[in-house]
């Protein structure tokens, strides 16, 4: 029997088509096999494609699975923004949703309407791991073509995250960001040695700036040379900056905006809100806008 599935192509963390981070969204994916989902993701050839399913229990409203062209991922921020942007465009779409994936359950809010619509994802605060030792730090700098003087001395190189980790690397302004020359083969080897799936290189603007940060990210171990815009990495960065005292808060909330994607000609913007309990982060909100590029149907045999 043949079956038709509905596919959307969405650019997330942006309001301009052909910018931000592209993702595929497949609605009503119930019944698709893993092999079919992987083949569809490979055909769409985005970094990630979200497949949406009916719930399987009372603790969530929708299920999502995420596939790269090579494998399945537990959770993907920009693809979640894309998926709930599509759902928010449909009649009767929810303004609050609980989404279950292999990484657990997250809360989704649709904030605003029409051109002002934003998709907000609430997550538990990610853990911050260890700092690199001197030998590891020098190896990473060499693989990125960075000098020690390029580093922001306030920001130790730290591994962050749980199921999918990133190495946070602070540099002194946009100059070092522009001059990065990542050796993808070497970074892949270092990922296995150090224990991180990717490298998030960021520069801090002065306190109170809008945006506060600009970044680039490289994940060759995941098959992604340079990722245009990462919501998850900005969430990690928010927790990291609070811990270092580089992001102000009032004991209840902290917030900042980061930009990414300029050097891929896909500029995008991520807003981060941190719920605080005193000096501790109790939850992270990853917030972004999106725009539809096209929608189509695919016939499966």
C-alpha atoms as a PDB file:
ATOM      1  CA  UNK A   1       0.000   0.000   0.000  1.00  0.00           C
ATOM      2  CA  UNK A   2       1.165   3.515  -0.752  1.00  0.00           C
ATOM      3  CA  UNK A   3       1.027   6.279   1.852  1.00  0.00           C
ATOM      4  CA  UNK A   4       1.334  10.044   1.601  1.00  0.00           C
ATOM      5  CA  UNK A   5       3.083  12.010   4.320  1.00  0.00           C
ATOM      6  CA  UNK A   6       3.140  15.778   4.811  1.00  0.00           C
ATOM      7  CA  UNK A   7       6.566  17.414   4.978  1.00  0.00           C
ATOM      8  CA  UNK A   8       7.448  20.987   5.938  1.00  0.00           C
ATOM      9  CA  UNK A   9      10.757  22.763   5.463  1.00  0.00           C
ATOM     10  CA  UNK A  10      11.238  25.458   8.116  1.00  0.00           C
ATOM     11  CA  UNK A  11      14.038  27.880   8.949  1.00  0.00           C
ATOM     12  CA  UNK A  12      14.322  28.211  12.738  1.00  0.00           C
ATOM     13  CA  UNK A  13      15.747  30.990  14.902  1.00  0.00           C
ATOM     14  CA  UNK A  14      15.028  33.544  12.213  1.00  0.00           C
ATOM     15  CA  UNK A  15      12.247  35.415  10.416  1.00  0.00           C
ATOM     16  CA  UNK A  16      14.053  35.487   7.066  1.00  0.00           C
ATOM     17  CA  UNK A  17      13.880  32.583   4.650  1.00  0.00           C
ATOM     18  CA  UNK A  18      17.188  30.942   3.792  1.00  0.00           C
ATOM     19  CA  UNK A  19      18.739  32.118   7.075  1.00  0.00           C
ATOM     20  CA  UNK A  20      18.783  30.580  10.556  1.00  0.00           C
ATOM     21  CA  UNK A  21      18.895  26.799  10.911  1.00  0.00           C
ATOM     22  CA  UNK A  22      16.839  24.694   8.469  1.00  0.00           C
ATOM     23  CA  UNK A  23      14.887  21.660   9.635  1.00  0.00           C
ATOM     24  CA  UNK A  24      12.449  19.197   8.151  1.00  0.00           C
ATOM     25  CA  UNK A  25       9.151  18.482   9.934  1.00  0.00           C
ATOM     26  CA  UNK A  26       7.078  15.364   9.221  1.00  0.00           C
ATOM     27  CA  UNK A  27       3.568  15.414  10.681  1.00  0.00           C
ATOM     28  CA  UNK A  28       1.556  12.333  11.697  1.00  0.00           C
ATOM     29  CA  UNK A  29       4.557  10.038  11.391  1.00  0.00           C
ATOM     30  CA  UNK A  30       2.899   7.133  13.222  1.00  0.00           C
ATOM     31  CA  UNK A  31       3.608   3.870  11.435  1.00  0.00           C
ATOM     32  CA  UNK A  32       6.854   4.958   9.809  1.00  0.00           C
ATOM     33  CA  UNK A  33       9.741   2.579  10.404  1.00  0.00           C
ATOM     34  CA  UNK A  34      13.154   3.687  11.602  1.00  0.00           C
ATOM     35  CA  UNK A  35      14.544   2.860   8.171  1.00  0.00           C
ATOM     36  CA  UNK A  36      11.916   5.033   6.477  1.00  0.00           C
ATOM     37  CA  UNK A  37      12.559   7.971   8.813  1.00  0.00           C
ATOM     38  CA  UNK A  38      16.290   7.744   8.259  1.00  0.00           C
ATOM     39  CA  UNK A  39      15.758   7.597   4.489  1.00  0.00           C
ATOM     40  CA  UNK A  40      13.462  10.649   4.574  1.00  0.00           C
ATOM     41  CA  UNK A  41      15.975  12.589   6.689  1.00  0.00           C
ATOM     42  CA  UNK A  42      18.733  11.616   4.277  1.00  0.00           C
ATOM     43  CA  UNK A  43      16.635  12.736   1.300  1.00  0.00           C
ATOM     44  CA  UNK A  44      15.751  16.100   2.870  1.00  0.00           C
ATOM     45  CA  UNK A  45      19.440  16.456   3.804  1.00  0.00           C
ATOM     46  CA  UNK A  46      18.915  18.926   6.639  1.00  0.00           C
ATOM     47  CA  UNK A  47      21.080  18.616   9.701  1.00  0.00           C
ATOM     48  CA  UNK A  48      17.937  17.358  11.477  1.00  0.00           C
ATOM     49  CA  UNK A  49      14.354  16.347  10.700  1.00  0.00           C
ATOM     50  CA  UNK A  50      11.615  16.101  13.345  1.00  0.00           C
ATOM     51  CA  UNK A  51       8.994  13.352  13.110  1.00  0.00           C
ATOM     52  CA  UNK A  52       5.820  13.897  15.158  1.00  0.00           C
ATOM     53  CA  UNK A  53       3.659  11.133  16.640  1.00  0.00           C
ATOM     54  CA  UNK A  54       0.527  10.748  18.721  1.00  0.00           C
ATOM     55  CA  UNK A  55       1.117  10.556  22.494  1.00  0.00           C
ATOM     56  CA  UNK A  56       1.548   7.182  24.155  1.00  0.00           C
ATOM     57  CA  UNK A  57       0.664   8.199  27.728  1.00  0.00           C
ATOM     58  CA  UNK A  58      -1.026  10.892  29.868  1.00  0.00           C
ATOM     59  CA  UNK A  59       2.212  12.659  30.822  1.00  0.00           C
ATOM     60  CA  UNK A  60       2.715  14.234  27.376  1.00  0.00           C
ATOM     61  CA  UNK A  61       0.715  15.643  24.467  1.00  0.00           C
ATOM     62  CA  UNK A  62       2.913  14.733  21.495  1.00  0.00           C
ATOM     63  CA  UNK A  63       5.959  12.597  20.763  1.00  0.00           C
ATOM     64  CA  UNK A  64       8.903  13.610  18.615  1.00  0.00           C
ATOM     65  CA  UNK A  65      11.842  11.749  17.163  1.00  0.00           C
ATOM     66  CA  UNK A  66      14.783  13.451  15.483  1.00  0.00           C
ATOM     67  CA  UNK A  67      16.930  12.065  12.677  1.00  0.00           C
ATOM     68  CA  UNK A  68      20.045  13.408  11.027  1.00  0.00           C
ATOM     69  CA  UNK A  69      20.970  12.007   7.601  1.00  0.00           C
ATOM     70  CA  UNK A  70      23.168   9.519   9.496  1.00  0.00           C
ATOM     71  CA  UNK A  71      21.498   8.609  12.783  1.00  0.00           C
ATOM     72  CA  UNK A  72      18.857   9.372  15.409  1.00  0.00           C
ATOM     73  CA  UNK A  73      19.326  12.183  17.949  1.00  0.00           C
ATOM     74  CA  UNK A  74      17.703  12.318  21.380  1.00  0.00           C
ATOM     75  CA  UNK A  75      16.580  15.958  21.184  1.00  0.00           C
ATOM     76  CA  UNK A  76      17.164  18.848  18.772  1.00  0.00           C
ATOM     77  CA  UNK A  77      16.307  22.424  19.736  1.00  0.00           C
ATOM     78  CA  UNK A  78      15.971  24.072  16.324  1.00  0.00           C
ATOM     79  CA  UNK A  79      13.932  21.164  14.943  1.00  0.00           C
ATOM     80  CA  UNK A  80      11.607  21.431  17.965  1.00  0.00           C
ATOM     81  CA  UNK A  81      11.146  25.140  17.278  1.00  0.00           C
ATOM     82  CA  UNK A  82      10.406  24.293  13.630  1.00  0.00           C
ATOM     83  CA  UNK A  83       7.933  21.532  14.530  1.00  0.00           C
ATOM     84  CA  UNK A  84       5.916  23.630  16.956  1.00  0.00           C
ATOM     85  CA  UNK A  85       5.942  26.574  14.592  1.00  0.00           C
ATOM     86  CA  UNK A  86       4.219  24.308  12.043  1.00  0.00           C
ATOM     87  CA  UNK A  87       1.763  23.037  14.660  1.00  0.00           C
ATOM     88  CA  UNK A  88       1.014  26.605  15.796  1.00  0.00           C
ATOM     89  CA  UNK A  89      -0.031  27.504  12.233  1.00  0.00           C
ATOM     90  CA  UNK A  90      -2.723  24.826  12.199  1.00  0.00           C
ATOM     91  CA  UNK A  91      -6.254  25.554  13.380  1.00  0.00           C
ATOM     92  CA  UNK A  92      -6.697  24.677  17.021  1.00  0.00           C
ATOM     93  CA  UNK A  93      -2.994  24.483  17.756  1.00  0.00           C
ATOM     94  CA  UNK A  94      -2.084  24.418  21.441  1.00  0.00           C
ATOM     95  CA  UNK A  95      -0.331  27.310  23.164  1.00  0.00           C
ATOM     96  CA  UNK A  96       1.214  24.931  25.720  1.00  0.00           C
ATOM     97  CA  UNK A  97       2.395  21.420  24.870  1.00  0.00           C
ATOM     98  CA  UNK A  98       4.370  18.680  26.586  1.00  0.00           C
ATOM     99  CA  UNK A  99       6.684  16.989  24.093  1.00  0.00           C
ATOM    100  CA  UNK A 100       8.254  13.616  24.752  1.00  0.00           C
ATOM    101  CA  UNK A 101      11.417  12.458  23.006  1.00  0.00           C
ATOM    102  CA  UNK A 102      14.189  10.007  23.783  1.00  0.00           C
ATOM    103  CA  UNK A 103      15.822  12.708  25.908  1.00  0.00           C
ATOM    104  CA  UNK A 104      12.728  13.128  28.103  1.00  0.00           C
ATOM    105  CA  UNK A 105       9.789  15.531  28.312  1.00  0.00           C
ATOM    106  CA  UNK A 106      10.027  19.265  27.661  1.00  0.00           C
ATOM    107  CA  UNK A 107       7.383  21.966  27.894  1.00  0.00           C
ATOM    108  CA  UNK A 108       6.640  24.106  24.841  1.00  0.00           C
ATOM    109  CA  UNK A 109       4.924  27.505  24.854  1.00  0.00           C
ATOM    110  CA  UNK A 110       3.724  29.439  21.831  1.00  0.00           C
ATOM    111  CA  UNK A 111       4.166  33.101  22.724  1.00  0.00           C
ATOM    112  CA  UNK A 112       2.476  35.810  20.686  1.00  0.00           C
ATOM    113  CA  UNK A 113       0.729  35.623  17.350  1.00  0.00           C
ATOM    114  CA  UNK A 114       1.375  36.129  13.645  1.00  0.00           C
ATOM    115  CA  UNK A 115       4.733  37.783  12.922  1.00  0.00           C
ATOM    116  CA  UNK A 116       5.465  38.115  16.652  1.00  0.00           C
ATOM    117  CA  UNK A 117       5.017  34.386  17.337  1.00  0.00           C
ATOM    118  CA  UNK A 118       7.839  32.761  19.280  1.00  0.00           C
ATOM    119  CA  UNK A 119       8.353  29.129  20.261  1.00  0.00           C
ATOM    120  CA  UNK A 120       9.732  28.682  23.788  1.00  0.00           C
ATOM    121  CA  UNK A 121      11.149  25.362  25.058  1.00  0.00           C
ATOM    122  CA  UNK A 122      11.540  24.800  28.808  1.00  0.00           C
ATOM    123  CA  UNK A 123      14.204  22.342  29.922  1.00  0.00           C
ATOM    124  CA  UNK A 124      15.815  21.243  33.144  1.00  0.00           C
ATOM    125  CA  UNK A 125      19.144  23.000  33.665  1.00  0.00           C
ATOM    126  CA  UNK A 126      21.960  21.112  31.947  1.00  0.00           C
ATOM    127  CA  UNK A 127      24.991  20.076  33.995  1.00  0.00           C
ATOM    128  CA  UNK A 128      28.369  21.732  33.659  1.00  0.00           C
ATOM    129  CA  UNK A 129      31.232  19.281  33.508  1.00  0.00           C
ATOM    130  CA  UNK A 130      34.966  19.495  33.846  1.00  0.00           C
ATOM    131  CA  UNK A 131      37.441  22.062  32.607  1.00  0.00           C
ATOM    132  CA  UNK A 132      40.046  20.922  30.089  1.00  0.00           C
ATOM    133  CA  UNK A 133      43.572  20.385  31.265  1.00  0.00           C
ATOM    134  CA  UNK A 134      46.449  22.266  29.655  1.00  0.00           C
ATOM    135  CA  UNK A 135      47.333  19.520  27.166  1.00  0.00           C
ATOM    136  CA  UNK A 136      43.714  19.179  26.018  1.00  0.00           C
ATOM    137  CA  UNK A 137      43.267  22.952  25.786  1.00  0.00           C
ATOM    138  CA  UNK A 138      46.324  23.365  23.574  1.00  0.00           C
ATOM    139  CA  UNK A 139      45.186  20.517  21.302  1.00  0.00           C
ATOM    140  CA  UNK A 140      41.760  22.118  20.827  1.00  0.00           C
ATOM    141  CA  UNK A 141      43.279  25.538  20.127  1.00  0.00           C
ATOM    142  CA  UNK A 142      45.565  24.007  17.522  1.00  0.00           C
ATOM    143  CA  UNK A 143      42.635  22.239  15.831  1.00  0.00           C
ATOM    144  CA  UNK A 144      40.717  25.537  15.632  1.00  0.00           C
ATOM    145  CA  UNK A 145      43.748  27.650  14.610  1.00  0.00           C
ATOM    146  CA  UNK A 146      43.385  29.749  17.773  1.00  0.00           C
ATOM    147  CA  UNK A 147      46.178  31.213  19.885  1.00  0.00           C
ATOM    148  CA  UNK A 148      46.103  31.272  23.673  1.00  0.00           C
ATOM    149  CA  UNK A 149      45.895  35.073  23.523  1.00  0.00           C
ATOM    150  CA  UNK A 150      42.640  34.747  21.568  1.00  0.00           C
ATOM    151  CA  UNK A 151      40.900  33.236  24.595  1.00  0.00           C
ATOM    152  CA  UNK A 152      38.760  35.249  26.991  1.00  0.00           C
ATOM    153  CA  UNK A 153      40.602  34.807  30.309  1.00  0.00           C
ATOM    154  CA  UNK A 154      37.299  34.943  32.219  1.00  0.00           C
ATOM    155  CA  UNK A 155      36.034  31.795  30.473  1.00  0.00           C
ATOM    156  CA  UNK A 156      37.733  28.453  31.178  1.00  0.00           C
ATOM    157  CA  UNK A 157      37.235  25.805  28.479  1.00  0.00           C
ATOM    158  CA  UNK A 158      34.445  23.700  29.993  1.00  0.00           C
ATOM    159  CA  UNK A 159      32.464  20.675  28.828  1.00  0.00           C
ATOM    160  CA  UNK A 160      28.722  21.200  29.314  1.00  0.00           C
ATOM    161  CA  UNK A 161      25.608  19.103  28.805  1.00  0.00           C
ATOM    162  CA  UNK A 162      24.487  15.556  29.481  1.00  0.00           C
ATOM    163  CA  UNK A 163      23.274  13.404  26.581  1.00  0.00           C
ATOM    164  CA  UNK A 164      24.957  15.595  23.960  1.00  0.00           C
ATOM    165  CA  UNK A 165      27.898  17.588  25.265  1.00  0.00           C
ATOM    166  CA  UNK A 166      29.565  20.734  23.959  1.00  0.00           C
ATOM    167  CA  UNK A 167      32.898  22.314  24.781  1.00  0.00           C
ATOM    168  CA  UNK A 168      32.370  26.014  25.582  1.00  0.00           C
ATOM    169  CA  UNK A 169      35.215  28.201  24.337  1.00  0.00           C
ATOM    170  CA  UNK A 170      35.174  31.946  25.025  1.00  0.00           C
ATOM    171  CA  UNK A 171      37.229  34.215  22.761  1.00  0.00           C
ATOM    172  CA  UNK A 172      38.068  37.914  22.700  1.00  0.00           C
ATOM    173  CA  UNK A 173      35.543  39.404  20.277  1.00  0.00           C
ATOM    174  CA  UNK A 174      34.503  38.815  16.690  1.00  0.00           C
ATOM    175  CA  UNK A 175      38.062  38.853  15.331  1.00  0.00           C
ATOM    176  CA  UNK A 176      38.988  35.360  16.535  1.00  0.00           C
ATOM    177  CA  UNK A 177      35.550  34.080  15.470  1.00  0.00           C
ATOM    178  CA  UNK A 178      36.156  35.284  11.924  1.00  0.00           C
ATOM    179  CA  UNK A 179      39.644  33.764  11.792  1.00  0.00           C
ATOM    180  CA  UNK A 180      38.674  30.243  12.916  1.00  0.00           C
ATOM    181  CA  UNK A 181      40.010  27.510  10.621  1.00  0.00           C
ATOM    182  CA  UNK A 182      38.721  24.269  12.100  1.00  0.00           C
ATOM    183  CA  UNK A 183      40.482  21.032  11.237  1.00  0.00           C
ATOM    184  CA  UNK A 184      37.395  18.813  11.122  1.00  0.00           C
ATOM    185  CA  UNK A 185      39.327  15.541  11.142  1.00  0.00           C
ATOM    186  CA  UNK A 186      41.343  16.602  14.182  1.00  0.00           C
ATOM    187  CA  UNK A 187      38.230  17.876  15.997  1.00  0.00           C
ATOM    188  CA  UNK A 188      36.514  14.528  15.386  1.00  0.00           C
ATOM    189  CA  UNK A 189      39.463  12.692  16.913  1.00  0.00           C
ATOM    190  CA  UNK A 190      39.524  15.082  19.877  1.00  0.00           C
ATOM    191  CA  UNK A 191      35.801  14.568  20.472  1.00  0.00           C
ATOM    192  CA  UNK A 192      36.467  10.910  21.263  1.00  0.00           C
ATOM    193  CA  UNK A 193      39.502  11.726  23.394  1.00  0.00           C
ATOM    194  CA  UNK A 194      38.010  14.613  25.374  1.00  0.00           C
ATOM    195  CA  UNK A 195      34.404  13.457  25.584  1.00  0.00           C
ATOM    196  CA  UNK A 196      32.518  16.193  23.762  1.00  0.00           C
ATOM    197  CA  UNK A 197      30.326  16.017  20.663  1.00  0.00           C
ATOM    198  CA  UNK A 198      30.952  19.595  19.539  1.00  0.00           C
ATOM    199  CA  UNK A 199      32.778  22.882  20.023  1.00  0.00           C
ATOM    200  CA  UNK A 200      30.824  26.083  20.775  1.00  0.00           C
ATOM    201  CA  UNK A 201      33.069  29.106  20.307  1.00  0.00           C
ATOM    202  CA  UNK A 202      31.558  32.371  21.566  1.00  0.00           C
ATOM    203  CA  UNK A 203      32.471  36.005  22.127  1.00  0.00           C
ATOM    204  CA  UNK A 204      30.959  38.163  24.869  1.00  0.00           C
ATOM    205  CA  UNK A 205      29.927  41.743  24.208  1.00  0.00           C
ATOM    206  CA  UNK A 206      29.911  44.264  27.101  1.00  0.00           C
ATOM    207  CA  UNK A 207      27.246  43.682  29.800  1.00  0.00           C
ATOM    208  CA  UNK A 208      23.827  44.953  28.762  1.00  0.00           C
ATOM    209  CA  UNK A 209      24.617  44.642  25.037  1.00  0.00           C
ATOM    210  CA  UNK A 210      21.984  43.393  22.604  1.00  0.00           C
ATOM    211  CA  UNK A 211      22.925  40.769  21.572  1.00  0.00           C
ATOM    212  CA  UNK A 212      25.189  39.730  24.407  1.00  0.00           C
ATOM    213  CA  UNK A 213      27.013  36.992  22.496  1.00  0.00           C
ATOM    214  CA  UNK A 214      28.029  35.890  19.015  1.00  0.00           C
ATOM    215  CA  UNK A 215      29.077  32.309  18.350  1.00  0.00           C
ATOM    216  CA  UNK A 216      30.083  29.560  15.949  1.00  0.00           C
ATOM    217  CA  UNK A 217      29.737  25.814  16.510  1.00  0.00           C
ATOM    218  CA  UNK A 218      31.460  22.792  14.973  1.00  0.00           C
ATOM    219  CA  UNK A 219      30.232  19.201  15.412  1.00  0.00           C
ATOM    220  CA  UNK A 220      32.074  17.050  12.863  1.00  0.00           C
ATOM    221  CA  UNK A 221      31.766  13.985  15.121  1.00  0.00           C
ATOM    222  CA  UNK A 222      27.996  14.236  14.541  1.00  0.00           C
ATOM    223  CA  UNK A 223      28.395  14.758  10.804  1.00  0.00           C
ATOM    224  CA  UNK A 224      27.832  18.538  11.096  1.00  0.00           C
ATOM    225  CA  UNK A 225      30.801  20.617  10.016  1.00  0.00           C
ATOM    226  CA  UNK A 226      29.488  23.982  11.179  1.00  0.00           C
ATOM    227  CA  UNK A 227      26.014  24.285  12.701  1.00  0.00           C
ATOM    228  CA  UNK A 228      24.256  27.518  11.654  1.00  0.00           C
ATOM    229  CA  UNK A 229      22.344  28.242  14.900  1.00  0.00           C
ATOM    230  CA  UNK A 230      22.110  26.092  18.036  1.00  0.00           C
ATOM    231  CA  UNK A 231      19.444  26.643  20.671  1.00  0.00           C
ATOM    232  CA  UNK A 232      20.761  23.911  22.966  1.00  0.00           C
ATOM    233  CA  UNK A 233      24.288  25.317  23.003  1.00  0.00           C
ATOM    234  CA  UNK A 234      22.975  28.774  23.922  1.00  0.00           C
ATOM    235  CA  UNK A 235      21.089  27.183  26.817  1.00  0.00           C
ATOM    236  CA  UNK A 236      24.337  25.591  28.000  1.00  0.00           C
ATOM    237  CA  UNK A 237      26.049  28.937  27.622  1.00  0.00           C
ATOM    238  CA  UNK A 238      23.456  30.685  29.797  1.00  0.00           C
ATOM    239  CA  UNK A 239      24.048  28.309  32.721  1.00  0.00           C
ATOM    240  CA  UNK A 240      27.800  28.657  32.257  1.00  0.00           C
ATOM    241  CA  UNK A 241      27.718  32.468  32.219  1.00  0.00           C
ATOM    242  CA  UNK A 242      25.584  32.619  35.363  1.00  0.00           C
ATOM    243  CA  UNK A 243      27.981  30.289  37.190  1.00  0.00           C
ATOM    244  CA  UNK A 244      30.931  32.494  36.215  1.00  0.00           C
ATOM    245  CA  UNK A 245      29.120  35.691  37.256  1.00  0.00           C
ATOM    246  CA  UNK A 246      29.132  36.989  33.671  1.00  0.00           C
ATOM    247  CA  UNK A 247      25.330  37.127  33.301  1.00  0.00           C
ATOM    248  CA  UNK A 248      23.394  39.284  35.754  1.00  0.00           C
ATOM    249  CA  UNK A 249      20.275  37.991  37.500  1.00  0.00           C
ATOM    250  CA  UNK A 250      17.911  39.148  40.244  1.00  0.00           C
ATOM    251  CA  UNK A 251      17.528  35.813  41.989  1.00  0.00           C
ATOM    252  CA  UNK A 252      14.433  35.027  39.912  1.00  0.00           C
ATOM    253  CA  UNK A 253      15.392  35.442  36.275  1.00  0.00           C
ATOM    254  CA  UNK A 254      18.296  36.007  33.902  1.00  0.00           C
ATOM    255  CA  UNK A 255      18.109  36.526  30.147  1.00  0.00           C
ATOM    256  CA  UNK A 256      20.270  37.206  27.128  1.00  0.00           C
ATOM    257  CA  UNK A 257      20.226  37.037  23.326  1.00  0.00           C
ATOM    258  CA  UNK A 258      22.855  35.333  21.200  1.00  0.00           C
ATOM    259  CA  UNK A 259      23.468  35.439  17.463  1.00  0.00           C
ATOM    260  CA  UNK A 260      25.092  32.799  15.272  1.00  0.00           C
ATOM    261  CA  UNK A 261      25.429  31.839  11.619  1.00  0.00           C
ATOM    262  CA  UNK A 262      26.988  34.969  10.137  1.00  0.00           C
ATOM    263  CA  UNK A 263      29.920  33.134   8.541  1.00  0.00           C
ATOM    264  CA  UNK A 264      27.599  30.595   6.909  1.00  0.00           C
ATOM    265  CA  UNK A 265      25.417  33.409   5.512  1.00  0.00           C
ATOM    266  CA  UNK A 266      22.573  32.018   7.654  1.00  0.00           C
ATOM    267  CA  UNK A 267      22.356  34.523  10.518  1.00  0.00           C
ATOM    268  CA  UNK A 268      20.018  33.581  13.326  1.00  0.00           C
ATOM    269  CA  UNK A 269      19.028  34.683  16.804  1.00  0.00           C
ATOM    270  CA  UNK A 270      18.366  32.744  20.019  1.00  0.00           C
ATOM    271  CA  UNK A 271      16.798  34.152  23.169  1.00  0.00           C
ATOM    272  CA  UNK A 272      17.554  32.473  26.485  1.00  0.00           C
ATOM    273  CA  UNK A 273      15.661  32.904  29.747  1.00  0.00           C
ATOM    274  CA  UNK A 274      16.887  31.277  32.943  1.00  0.00           C
ATOM    275  CA  UNK A 275      14.594  30.656  35.904  1.00  0.00           C
ATOM    276  CA  UNK A 276      16.593  31.242  39.066  1.00  0.00           C
ATOM    277  CA  UNK A 277      16.162  30.054  42.639  1.00  0.00           C
ATOM    278  CA  UNK A 278      18.549  32.344  44.413  1.00  0.00           C
ATOM    279  CA  UNK A 279      21.893  31.875  42.689  1.00  0.00           C
ATOM    280  CA  UNK A 280      20.988  28.496  41.145  1.00  0.00           C
ATOM    281  CA  UNK A 281      19.431  27.937  37.710  1.00  0.00           C
ATOM    282  CA  UNK A 282      16.202  25.934  38.061  1.00  0.00           C
ATOM    283  CA  UNK A 283      15.079  25.880  34.406  1.00  0.00           C
ATOM    284  CA  UNK A 284      16.213  27.043  30.964  1.00  0.00           C
ATOM    285  CA  UNK A 285      13.944  28.499  28.265  1.00  0.00           C
ATOM    286  CA  UNK A 286      15.225  28.368  24.665  1.00  0.00           C
ATOM    287  CA  UNK A 287      13.191  30.790  22.560  1.00  0.00           C
ATOM    288  CA  UNK A 288      13.142  31.357  18.811  1.00  0.00           C
ATOM    289  CA  UNK A 289      11.065  32.393  15.860  1.00  0.00           C
ATOM    290  CA  UNK A 290      10.702  30.557  12.559  1.00  0.00           C
ATOM    291  CA  UNK A 291       9.545  30.895   8.975  1.00  0.00           C
ATOM    292  CA  UNK A 292       8.111  28.358   6.544  1.00  0.00           C
ATOM    293  CA  UNK A 293      10.095  27.720   3.379  1.00  0.00           C
ATOM    294  CA  UNK A 294       7.843  25.160   1.687  1.00  0.00           C
ATOM    295  CA  UNK A 295       5.480  22.265   2.359  1.00  0.00           C
ATOM    296  CA  UNK A 296       4.907  19.212   0.201  1.00  0.00           C
ATOM    297  CA  UNK A 297       3.733  15.627   0.181  1.00  0.00           C
ATOM    298  CA  UNK A 298       5.866  12.552  -0.245  1.00  0.00           C
ATOM    299  CA  UNK A 299       4.466   9.206  -1.412  1.00  0.00           C
ATOM    300  CA  UNK A 300       5.899   6.112   0.228  1.00  0.00           C
ATOM    301  CA  UNK A 301       5.508   2.658  -1.250  1.00  0.00           C
END
